[in-house]
Amino acid sequence: MRSSSLPGLPQSSSGATRATRSASRRRRTPRLSWERCSRSFLRCRSGSTPKEGEASCWSSRGSTPGKDGTIRRVFTGVNPQGCIVTSFKTPTPIELAHDFLWRVHAQCPARGMIGIFNRSHYEDVVTVGVLGLAPEEVWRARPQRIVEFERLLAQEGTRVLKCFLHISAEEQRERFAERLSDPTKRWKHDPMDEETNRRFGEFTAAYDEALTATSTDWAPWYVIPADRNWVRNLAVATVLVEGLRLLDPQFPDRRPG
């Protein structure tokens, strides 16, 4: 598991400059990936000569660390033709009738696309385990299933990056209070968030165990400090740009004839 505490992270003014430069790189690189249609990127993911793609996976404790805001800020300027965001909600009856990865695999990005998961299959380990929504022998086996699933994606050409947005207990309480007091944010309140806040320690321990068990060379976890939004956004953008750079996307060759 990689920590994006980023020693020596610049102050907010220079951080904003770095974020602008990073946005410029993000705009160019996905275009190359989409036009060549040879790789995919799944960020916690078509063409005539398909080879590889990319995807992103986002997890956090509760709803306050800013997953929506991170996606909005970090992916501003990215060509929407090459990017798909999937938000996983409570499983439907049809989804529950299948294995827990069935709905996830269906949303993985095609070659040449960037896929972003807002929440993910890790909820089926952590939330299910902490709240006792399934027998222990069921959810205890899931981390290994996830490792095997993500290895399959990597072997088939999808680069997987997973970001855990970590906020402190104090910051989480403050954000819950702000959400309830602000009419423009009150609609986001979910009674389940109160349970998450009350059991902060249990969820923290469960995530620590799950992330440690599932962070691999082919699908690494990055723990992102999320108490300050600009730090969170810059850290995630840095991870994303490096992941895209390693894909080394190229413009397609000239068509024959």
Protein backbone atom coordinates (compact mmCIF):
# COMPACT_ATOMS: atom_id res chain seq x y z
CA MET A 1 0.00 0.00 0.00
CA ARG A 2 1.44 3.34 -1.05
CA SER A 3 0.91 6.45 1.03
CA SER A 4 0.47 9.75 -0.76
CA SER A 5 1.34 11.87 2.24
CA LEU A 6 3.73 13.54 -0.22
CA PRO A 7 6.59 14.84 1.96
CA GLY A 8 7.53 18.37 0.95
CA LEU A 9 4.15 19.05 -0.63
CA PRO A 10 4.12 22.72 -1.70
CA GLN A 11 2.07 25.45 -0.09
CA SER A 12 -1.34 26.14 -1.59
CA SER A 13 -0.18 28.78 -4.11
CA SER A 14 2.54 26.64 -5.68
CA GLY A 15 0.25 23.62 -5.26
CA ALA A 16 -2.30 25.36 -7.47
CA THR A 17 0.38 25.91 -10.13
CA ARG A 18 1.31 22.24 -10.04
CA ALA A 19 -2.35 21.30 -10.28
CA THR A 20 -2.71 23.46 -13.43
CA ARG A 21 0.29 21.79 -15.06
CA SER A 22 -1.06 18.41 -14.08
CA ALA A 23 -4.43 19.23 -15.66
CA SER A 24 -2.67 20.06 -18.93
CA ARG A 25 -0.98 16.65 -18.95
CA ARG A 26 -4.27 14.90 -18.11
CA ARG A 27 -6.03 16.58 -21.03
CA ARG A 28 -3.42 15.40 -23.54
CA THR A 29 -2.74 11.86 -22.36
CA PRO A 30 -6.34 10.48 -22.35
CA ARG A 31 -6.75 11.85 -25.88
CA LEU A 32 -3.82 9.73 -27.01
CA SER A 33 -5.24 6.69 -25.25
CA TRP A 34 -8.72 7.19 -26.74
CA GLU A 35 -7.50 7.84 -30.28
CA ARG A 36 -5.22 4.83 -30.31
CA CYS A 37 -7.82 2.62 -28.62
CA SER A 38 -5.13 0.23 -27.46
CA ARG A 39 -5.21 0.41 -23.64
CA SER A 40 -7.70 1.06 -20.84
CA PHE A 41 -7.34 2.67 -17.44
CA LEU A 42 -9.46 1.80 -14.39
CA ARG A 43 -8.90 4.37 -11.84
CA CYS A 44 -10.16 1.53 -6.35
CA ARG A 45 -11.44 1.51 -16.93
CA SER A 46 -12.03 0.00 -28.61
CA GLY A 47 -10.60 -0.18 -31.45
CA SER A 48 -9.23 -2.04 -34.44
CA THR A 49 -5.96 -3.18 -32.83
CA PRO A 50 -6.86 -3.47 -29.11
CA LYS A 51 -4.08 -4.04 -26.61
CA GLU A 52 -4.64 -2.27 -23.34
CA GLY A 53 -6.71 0.29 -21.28
CA GLU A 54 -7.05 1.96 -17.79
CA ALA A 55 -9.38 2.36 -14.71
CA SER A 56 -9.65 4.09 -11.29
CA CYS A 57 -11.23 2.92 -8.06
CA TRP A 58 -12.22 5.27 -5.25
CA SER A 59 -13.03 4.35 -1.68
CA SER A 60 -13.46 6.29 1.52
CA ARG A 61 -14.95 5.99 4.96
CA GLY A 62 -18.44 7.47 4.67
CA SER A 63 -19.60 10.14 2.22
CA THR A 64 -17.71 13.22 3.42
CA PRO A 65 -14.09 12.81 2.15
CA GLY A 66 -15.08 14.34 -1.19
CA LYS A 67 -15.16 11.60 -3.84
CA ASP A 68 -17.54 13.60 -6.06
CA GLY A 69 -15.51 16.79 -5.66
CA THR A 70 -12.27 14.97 -6.40
CA ILE A 71 -13.64 13.50 -9.62
CA ARG A 72 -15.04 16.89 -10.66
CA ARG A 73 -11.80 18.79 -9.99
CA VAL A 74 -9.23 16.23 -11.10
CA PHE A 75 -10.96 15.27 -14.33
CA THR A 76 -11.93 18.77 -15.41
CA GLY A 77 -10.76 19.17 -18.99
CA VAL A 78 -10.52 15.45 -19.74
CA ASN A 79 -12.29 14.56 -22.98
CA PRO A 80 -15.65 13.06 -21.93
CA GLN A 81 -15.57 10.79 -25.01
CA GLY A 82 -12.82 8.76 -23.35
CA CYS A 83 -13.97 8.77 -19.72
CA ILE A 84 -16.79 6.98 -17.87
CA VAL A 85 -17.77 7.42 -14.21
CA THR A 86 -19.68 4.64 -12.41
CA SER A 87 -21.24 5.26 -8.99
CA PHE A 88 -22.06 2.05 -7.18
CA LYS A 89 -25.14 2.21 -4.98
CA THR A 90 -26.83 -0.37 -2.76
CA PRO A 91 -27.01 -3.61 -4.80
CA THR A 92 -30.28 -4.23 -6.61
CA PRO A 93 -32.13 -7.58 -6.32
CA ILE A 94 -30.72 -8.60 -9.72
CA GLU A 95 -27.17 -7.72 -8.64
CA LEU A 96 -27.60 -9.62 -5.37
CA ALA A 97 -28.63 -12.69 -7.37
CA HIS A 98 -25.11 -12.78 -8.87
CA ASP A 99 -21.64 -12.93 -7.36
CA PHE A 100 -20.47 -9.65 -5.80
CA LEU A 101 -18.08 -8.85 -8.67
CA TRP A 102 -20.65 -9.36 -11.43
CA ARG A 103 -21.83 -5.77 -11.54
CA VAL A 104 -18.26 -4.47 -11.20
CA HIS A 105 -16.86 -6.41 -14.15
CA ALA A 106 -19.70 -5.16 -16.32
CA GLN A 107 -18.59 -1.56 -15.71
CA CYS A 108 -14.86 -1.99 -16.33
CA PRO A 109 -13.63 0.29 -19.13
CA ALA A 110 -13.19 -0.83 -22.71
CA ARG A 111 -9.75 -0.54 -24.30
CA GLY A 112 -8.88 3.08 -24.94
CA MET A 113 -11.13 4.34 -22.11
CA ILE A 114 -10.66 5.70 -18.60
CA GLY A 115 -13.09 4.24 -16.07
CA ILE A 116 -13.70 5.84 -12.66
CA PHE A 117 -15.42 3.95 -9.86
CA ASN A 118 -17.09 6.16 -7.26
CA ARG A 119 -17.26 3.63 -4.43
CA SER A 120 -16.46 0.10 -5.47
CA HIS A 121 -16.38 -3.63 -4.74
CA TYR A 122 -14.46 -2.87 -1.53
CA GLU A 123 -17.76 -1.87 0.09
CA ASP A 124 -18.63 -5.58 -0.20
CA VAL A 125 -15.77 -6.34 2.16
CA VAL A 126 -15.59 -3.43 4.61
CA THR A 127 -19.18 -2.24 4.98
CA VAL A 128 -20.60 -5.75 4.77
CA GLY A 129 -18.11 -6.96 7.37
CA VAL A 130 -18.49 -4.10 9.87
CA LEU A 131 -22.29 -4.02 9.68
CA GLY A 132 -22.64 -7.80 9.60
CA LEU A 133 -24.60 -7.86 6.35
CA ALA A 134 -23.27 -11.30 5.38
CA PRO A 135 -21.76 -14.28 7.23
CA GLU A 136 -18.07 -13.84 8.05
CA GLU A 137 -17.04 -16.82 5.95
CA VAL A 138 -18.58 -15.01 2.94
CA TRP A 139 -16.92 -11.58 3.21
CA ARG A 140 -13.62 -12.93 4.59
CA ALA A 141 -13.02 -14.73 1.29
CA ARG A 142 -13.65 -11.66 -0.83
CA PRO A 143 -10.24 -9.88 -0.59
CA GLN A 144 -8.55 -12.83 -2.28
CA ARG A 145 -11.28 -12.90 -4.94
CA ILE A 146 -10.63 -9.20 -5.54
CA VAL A 147 -6.88 -9.75 -5.90
CA GLU A 148 -7.53 -12.46 -8.50
CA PHE A 149 -10.09 -10.29 -10.31
CA GLU A 150 -7.75 -7.30 -10.51
CA ARG A 151 -4.91 -9.52 -11.67
CA LEU A 152 -7.17 -10.67 -14.53
CA LEU A 153 -7.87 -7.07 -15.48
CA ALA A 154 -4.16 -6.23 -15.44
CA GLN A 155 -3.24 -9.26 -17.53
CA GLU A 156 -5.91 -8.32 -20.07
CA GLY A 157 -4.47 -4.80 -20.41
CA THR A 158 -6.21 -2.62 -17.84
CA ARG A 159 -4.08 -0.51 -15.52
CA VAL A 160 -5.75 -0.31 -12.10
CA LEU A 161 -5.12 2.49 -9.60
CA LYS A 162 -7.00 2.66 -6.29
CA CYS A 163 -7.27 5.77 -4.12
CA PHE A 164 -8.51 5.79 -0.53
CA LEU A 165 -9.53 9.30 0.57
CA HIS A 166 -8.68 9.45 4.26
CA ILE A 167 -10.04 12.14 6.59
CA SER A 168 -9.64 12.44 10.34
CA ALA A 169 -12.47 11.74 12.76
CA GLU A 170 -12.61 15.42 13.74
CA GLU A 171 -12.83 16.59 10.12
CA GLN A 172 -15.56 14.05 9.42
CA ARG A 173 -17.65 15.33 12.33
CA GLU A 174 -17.22 18.91 11.14
CA ARG A 175 -18.29 18.02 7.61
CA PHE A 176 -21.37 16.18 8.85
CA ALA A 177 -22.35 19.21 10.95
CA GLU A 178 -21.79 21.57 8.01
CA ARG A 179 -23.87 19.38 5.73
CA LEU A 180 -26.82 19.44 8.12
CA SER A 181 -26.63 23.20 8.65
CA ASP A 182 -26.29 24.14 4.97
CA PRO A 183 -29.58 23.95 2.98
CA THR A 184 -27.62 23.47 -0.25
CA LYS A 185 -25.87 20.37 1.15
CA ARG A 186 -28.55 18.92 3.43
CA TRP A 187 -29.89 16.70 0.65
CA LYS A 188 -26.64 14.71 0.80
CA HIS A 189 -27.30 13.56 4.36
CA ASP A 190 -27.79 9.82 4.77
CA PRO A 191 -28.81 8.41 8.17
CA MET A 192 -26.29 5.62 7.56
CA ASP A 193 -23.54 8.26 7.73
CA GLU A 194 -24.32 8.70 11.41
CA GLU A 195 -23.64 5.00 11.97
CA THR A 196 -20.41 5.29 10.01
CA ASN A 197 -19.33 8.27 12.11
CA ARG A 198 -20.20 6.51 15.37
CA ARG A 199 -18.14 3.44 14.36
CA PHE A 200 -15.24 5.40 12.89
CA GLY A 201 -12.64 3.24 14.61
CA GLU A 202 -14.17 -0.02 13.39
CA PHE A 203 -14.34 1.18 9.80
CA THR A 204 -10.78 2.48 9.98
CA ALA A 205 -9.49 -0.89 11.18
CA ALA A 206 -11.53 -2.74 8.55
CA TYR A 207 -10.25 -0.54 5.73
CA ASP A 208 -6.67 -0.91 6.96
CA GLU A 209 -7.03 -4.69 6.84
CA ALA A 210 -8.72 -4.70 3.43
CA LEU A 211 -6.29 -2.27 1.79
CA THR A 212 -3.28 -4.15 3.13
CA ALA A 213 -4.64 -7.45 1.82
CA THR A 214 -5.43 -6.12 -1.66
CA SER A 215 -2.65 -3.65 -2.51
CA THR A 216 -0.56 -5.34 -5.21
CA ASP A 217 1.99 -4.41 -7.85
CA TRP A 218 -0.69 -4.68 -10.53
CA ALA A 219 -3.39 -2.83 -8.56
CA PRO A 220 -1.81 -0.60 -5.89
CA TRP A 221 -3.67 1.36 -3.24
CA TYR A 222 -2.81 5.02 -2.59
CA VAL A 223 -3.90 6.49 0.75
CA ILE A 224 -4.74 10.13 0.06
CA PRO A 225 -4.86 12.74 2.89
CA ALA A 226 -8.23 14.42 2.36
CA ASP A 227 -8.70 16.90 5.23
CA ARG A 228 -7.70 19.72 2.86
CA ASN A 229 -9.28 19.65 -0.56
CA TRP A 230 -6.38 21.14 -2.52
CA VAL A 231 -3.96 18.61 -1.00
CA ARG A 232 -6.37 15.80 -1.83
CA ASN A 233 -6.84 16.97 -5.41
CA LEU A 234 -3.13 17.48 -6.06
CA ALA A 235 -2.21 14.10 -4.58
CA VAL A 236 -4.81 12.27 -6.68
CA ALA A 237 -3.83 14.19 -9.82
CA THR A 238 -0.17 13.28 -9.23
CA VAL A 239 -1.04 9.58 -8.93
CA LEU A 240 -3.21 9.76 -12.05
CA VAL A 241 -0.65 11.53 -14.21
CA GLU A 242 2.06 9.04 -13.25
CA GLY A 243 -0.28 6.14 -14.04
CA LEU A 244 -1.09 7.60 -17.44
CA ARG A 245 2.59 8.25 -18.12
CA LEU A 246 3.42 4.62 -17.48
CA LEU A 247 0.83 3.61 -20.08
CA ASP A 248 2.95 5.48 -22.64
CA PRO A 249 0.04 6.09 -25.04
CA GLN A 250 0.96 6.98 -28.62
CA PHE A 251 -0.88 8.42 -31.58
CA PRO A 252 -1.96 5.69 -34.01
CA ASP A 253 0.10 4.93 -37.07
CA ARG A 254 -0.90 6.36 -40.42
CA ARG A 255 -3.62 4.29 -42.03
CA PRO A 256 -2.42 2.31 -45.06
CA GLY A 257 -3.57 3.34 -48.50
